[in-house]
C-alpha atoms as a PDB file:
ATOM      1  CA  GLN A   1       9.530  17.088  -4.856  1.00  0.00           C
ATOM      2  CA  VAL A   2       7.222  14.111  -4.465  1.00  0.00           C
ATOM      3  CA  GLN A   3       7.712  12.280  -1.194  1.00  0.00           C
ATOM      4  CA  LEU A   4       5.841   9.283   0.136  1.00  0.00           C
ATOM      5  CA  VAL A   5       6.605   8.290   3.717  1.00  0.00           C
ATOM      6  CA  GLU A   6       5.291   4.972   4.991  1.00  0.00           C
ATOM      7  CA  SER A   7       4.829   4.091   8.638  1.00  0.00           C
ATOM      8  CA  GLY A   8       3.065   1.515  10.777  1.00  0.00           C
ATOM      9  CA  GLY A   9       5.026  -1.603   9.958  1.00  0.00           C
ATOM     10  CA  GLY A  10       6.320  -4.002  12.555  1.00  0.00           C
ATOM     11  CA  LEU A  11       6.001  -7.483  14.003  1.00  0.00           C
ATOM     12  CA  VAL A  12       2.528  -8.975  14.258  1.00  0.00           C
ATOM     13  CA  GLN A  13       1.137 -12.402  15.165  1.00  0.00           C
ATOM     14  CA  PRO A  14      -0.480 -14.569  12.481  1.00  0.00           C
ATOM     15  CA  GLY A  15      -4.143 -13.669  12.231  1.00  0.00           C
ATOM     16  CA  GLY A  16      -3.472 -10.190  13.549  1.00  0.00           C
ATOM     17  CA  SER A  17      -4.137  -6.794  12.036  1.00  0.00           C
ATOM     18  CA  LEU A  18      -1.996  -3.840  11.100  1.00  0.00           C
ATOM     19  CA  ARG A  19      -2.665  -0.447   9.556  1.00  0.00           C
ATOM     20  CA  LEU A  20       0.000   1.120   7.377  1.00  0.00           C
ATOM     21  CA  SER A  21       0.043   4.840   6.641  1.00  0.00           C
ATOM     22  CA  CYS A  22       1.552   6.793   3.761  1.00  0.00           C
ATOM     23  CA  ALA A  23       1.908  10.544   4.155  1.00  0.00           C
ATOM     24  CA  ALA A  24       2.320  12.282   0.807  1.00  0.00           C
ATOM     25  CA  SER A  25       3.912  15.614  -0.026  1.00  0.00           C
ATOM     26  CA  GLY A  26       4.548  17.274  -3.364  1.00  0.00           C
ATOM     27  CA  LEU A  27       1.270  15.907  -4.681  1.00  0.00           C
ATOM     28  CA  ILE A  28      -2.398  15.930  -3.790  1.00  0.00           C
ATOM     29  CA  ILE A  29      -3.538  12.372  -3.372  1.00  0.00           C
ATOM     30  CA  SER A  30      -7.077  13.082  -4.510  1.00  0.00           C
ATOM     31  CA  TYR A  31      -5.669  14.031  -7.931  1.00  0.00           C
ATOM     32  CA  ASN A  32      -3.689  10.815  -8.353  1.00  0.00           C
ATOM     33  CA  ASP A  33      -4.194   7.105  -8.367  1.00  0.00           C
ATOM     34  CA  MET A  34      -2.532   5.701  -5.258  1.00  0.00           C
ATOM     35  CA  GLY A  35      -1.590   2.203  -4.255  1.00  0.00           C
ATOM     36  CA  TRP A  36       0.455  -0.247  -2.284  1.00  0.00           C
ATOM     37  CA  PHE A  37       3.028  -2.772  -3.436  1.00  0.00           C
ATOM     38  CA  ARG A  38       5.095  -5.275  -1.515  1.00  0.00           C
ATOM     39  CA  GLN A  39       8.282  -7.241  -1.971  1.00  0.00           C
ATOM     40  CA  ALA A  40       9.217 -10.338  -0.016  1.00  0.00           C
ATOM     41  CA  PRO A  41      12.790 -11.658   0.170  1.00  0.00           C
ATOM     42  CA  GLY A  42      13.666 -13.556  -2.988  1.00  0.00           C
ATOM     43  CA  LYS A  43      10.485 -12.518  -4.770  1.00  0.00           C
ATOM     44  CA  GLU A  44       9.580  -9.821  -7.258  1.00  0.00           C
ATOM     45  CA  ARG A  45       7.630  -6.773  -6.216  1.00  0.00           C
ATOM     46  CA  GLU A  46       3.901  -7.292  -6.573  1.00  0.00           C
ATOM     47  CA  GLY A  47       0.921  -5.003  -6.571  1.00  0.00           C
ATOM     48  CA  VAL A  48      -1.323  -5.282  -3.531  1.00  0.00           C
ATOM     49  CA  VAL A  49      -4.067  -2.754  -4.210  1.00  0.00           C
ATOM     50  CA  CYS A  50      -4.590   0.595  -5.903  1.00  0.00           C
ATOM     51  CA  MET A  51      -7.408   3.124  -6.002  1.00  0.00           C
ATOM     52  CA  SER A  52      -8.577   5.270  -8.894  1.00  0.00           C
ATOM     53  CA  SER A  53      -8.720   9.006  -8.201  1.00  0.00           C
ATOM     54  CA  ARG A  54     -11.496   9.361 -10.763  1.00  0.00           C
ATOM     55  CA  ASP A  55     -14.164   7.026  -9.473  1.00  0.00           C
ATOM     56  CA  GLY A  56     -12.675   5.314  -6.416  1.00  0.00           C
ATOM     57  CA  SER A  57     -12.619   1.912  -8.060  1.00  0.00           C
ATOM     58  CA  LEU A  58     -10.094  -0.569  -6.728  1.00  0.00           C
ATOM     59  CA  TYR A  59      -7.722  -3.089  -8.148  1.00  0.00           C
ATOM     60  CA  ILE A  60      -6.967  -5.791  -5.581  1.00  0.00           C
ATOM     61  CA  GLY A  61      -4.354  -8.464  -5.999  1.00  0.00           C
ATOM     62  CA  ASP A  62      -5.635 -12.031  -5.880  1.00  0.00           C
ATOM     63  CA  SER A  63      -3.279 -13.022  -3.070  1.00  0.00           C
ATOM     64  CA  VAL A  64      -4.741 -10.504  -0.612  1.00  0.00           C
ATOM     65  CA  LYS A  65      -8.340 -10.190  -1.766  1.00  0.00           C
ATOM     66  CA  GLY A  66     -10.704  -9.925   1.174  1.00  0.00           C
ATOM     67  CA  ARG A  67      -7.946  -9.258   3.720  1.00  0.00           C
ATOM     68  CA  LEU A  68      -6.283  -5.964   2.770  1.00  0.00           C
ATOM     69  CA  THR A  69      -7.968  -2.726   1.788  1.00  0.00           C
ATOM     70  CA  ILE A  70      -6.909   0.813   0.882  1.00  0.00           C
ATOM     71  CA  SER A  71      -8.440   4.085   2.056  1.00  0.00           C
ATOM     72  CA  ARG A  72      -7.754   7.827   1.767  1.00  0.00           C
ATOM     73  CA  ASP A  73      -7.842  10.753   4.152  1.00  0.00           C
ATOM     74  CA  ASN A  74      -7.742  13.735   1.824  1.00  0.00           C
ATOM     75  CA  ALA A  75      -7.534  16.244   4.686  1.00  0.00           C
ATOM     76  CA  LYS A  76      -4.299  14.625   5.849  1.00  0.00           C
ATOM     77  CA  ASN A  77      -3.087  13.845   2.310  1.00  0.00           C
ATOM     78  CA  THR A  78      -2.560  10.303   3.528  1.00  0.00           C
ATOM     79  CA  ILE A  79      -3.481   6.831   2.347  1.00  0.00           C
ATOM     80  CA  TYR A  80      -3.748   3.705   4.447  1.00  0.00           C
ATOM     81  CA  LEU A  81      -3.493  -0.021   4.039  1.00  0.00           C
ATOM     82  CA  GLN A  82      -5.656  -1.926   6.506  1.00  0.00           C
ATOM     83  CA  MET A  83      -4.301  -5.441   6.886  1.00  0.00           C
ATOM     84  CA  ASN A  84      -6.432  -8.137   8.520  1.00  0.00           C
ATOM     85  CA  GLY A  85      -5.998 -11.855   8.921  1.00  0.00           C
ATOM     86  CA  LEU A  86      -2.269 -11.578   8.349  1.00  0.00           C
ATOM     87  CA  LYS A  87      -0.334 -14.668   7.337  1.00  0.00           C
ATOM     88  CA  PRO A  88       3.392 -15.420   7.447  1.00  0.00           C
ATOM     89  CA  GLU A  89       3.458 -15.182   3.658  1.00  0.00           C
ATOM     90  CA  ASP A  90       2.415 -11.528   3.988  1.00  0.00           C
ATOM     91  CA  THR A  91       5.866 -10.782   5.397  1.00  0.00           C
ATOM     92  CA  ALA A  92       7.422  -8.205   3.083  1.00  0.00           C
ATOM     93  CA  VAL A  93       8.517  -4.629   2.695  1.00  0.00           C
ATOM     94  CA  TYR A  94       5.425  -2.629   1.828  1.00  0.00           C
ATOM     95  CA  TYR A  95       5.735   0.383  -0.470  1.00  0.00           C
ATOM     96  CA  CYS A  96       3.366   3.255  -1.022  1.00  0.00           C
ATOM     97  CA  ALA A  97       3.123   4.389  -4.641  1.00  0.00           C
ATOM     98  CA  THR A  98       1.532   7.024  -6.832  1.00  0.00           C
ATOM     99  CA  PHE A  99       0.706   6.936 -10.526  1.00  0.00           C
ATOM    100  CA  LEU A 100       0.757   9.783 -13.056  1.00  0.00           C
ATOM    101  CA  ASP A 101      -1.939   8.043 -15.053  1.00  0.00           C
ATOM    102  CA  ASP A 102      -4.279   5.239 -14.085  1.00  0.00           C
ATOM    103  CA  CYS A 103      -2.987   2.417 -11.900  1.00  0.00           C
ATOM    104  CA  SER A 104      -4.434  -0.458 -13.910  1.00  0.00           C
ATOM    105  CA  GLY A 105      -1.060  -1.257 -15.447  1.00  0.00           C
ATOM    106  CA  LEU A 106       0.628  -1.441 -12.028  1.00  0.00           C
ATOM    107  CA  GLU A 107       3.439   0.831 -13.222  1.00  0.00           C
ATOM    108  CA  ALA A 108       4.043   3.282 -10.418  1.00  0.00           C
ATOM    109  CA  ASP A 109       5.868   6.562 -10.963  1.00  0.00           C
ATOM    110  CA  TYR A 110       6.952   7.372  -7.404  1.00  0.00           C
ATOM    111  CA  TRP A 111       7.704   5.149  -4.443  1.00  0.00           C
ATOM    112  CA  GLY A 112       8.128   5.560  -0.740  1.00  0.00           C
ATOM    113  CA  GLN A 113      11.038   4.124   1.201  1.00  0.00           C
ATOM    114  CA  GLY A 114       9.049   1.134   2.405  1.00  0.00           C
ATOM    115  CA  THR A 115       8.043  -0.228   5.785  1.00  0.00           C
ATOM    116  CA  GLN A 116       8.768  -3.750   6.991  1.00  0.00           C
ATOM    117  CA  VAL A 117       5.896  -6.019   7.980  1.00  0.00           C
ATOM    118  CA  THR A 118       6.826  -9.294   9.660  1.00  0.00           C
ATOM    119  CA  VAL A 119       4.130 -11.853  10.473  1.00  0.00           C
ATOM    120  CA  SER A 120       5.455 -14.469  12.883  1.00  0.00           C
ATOM    121  CA  SER A 121       4.447 -16.295  16.033  1.00  0.00           C
END
């Protein structure tokens, strides 16, 4: 019954910004750790950022530190990924994820369908 539906991807210029959304159903996001992963062509899926439901603490991947951040809108049961200073190497399919326990191990239990982000001039 859990569904995670990403939106907001597209084509953006290098240095630009983009905000991805993930609308959740079948779960209450405030009760779960939530996060974002990405997978570029020819590369393994990597964790971007996740947020603890217990204290709001974040895990941020080294490759995106200082440029991407996660937020929650509990009223809309939606999480966001704000992406700033985008680089061509950020091009990937971005996946929303939820965790049945804490997200520190980067082992997600449910995934969305993904949304494509392409950074190109």
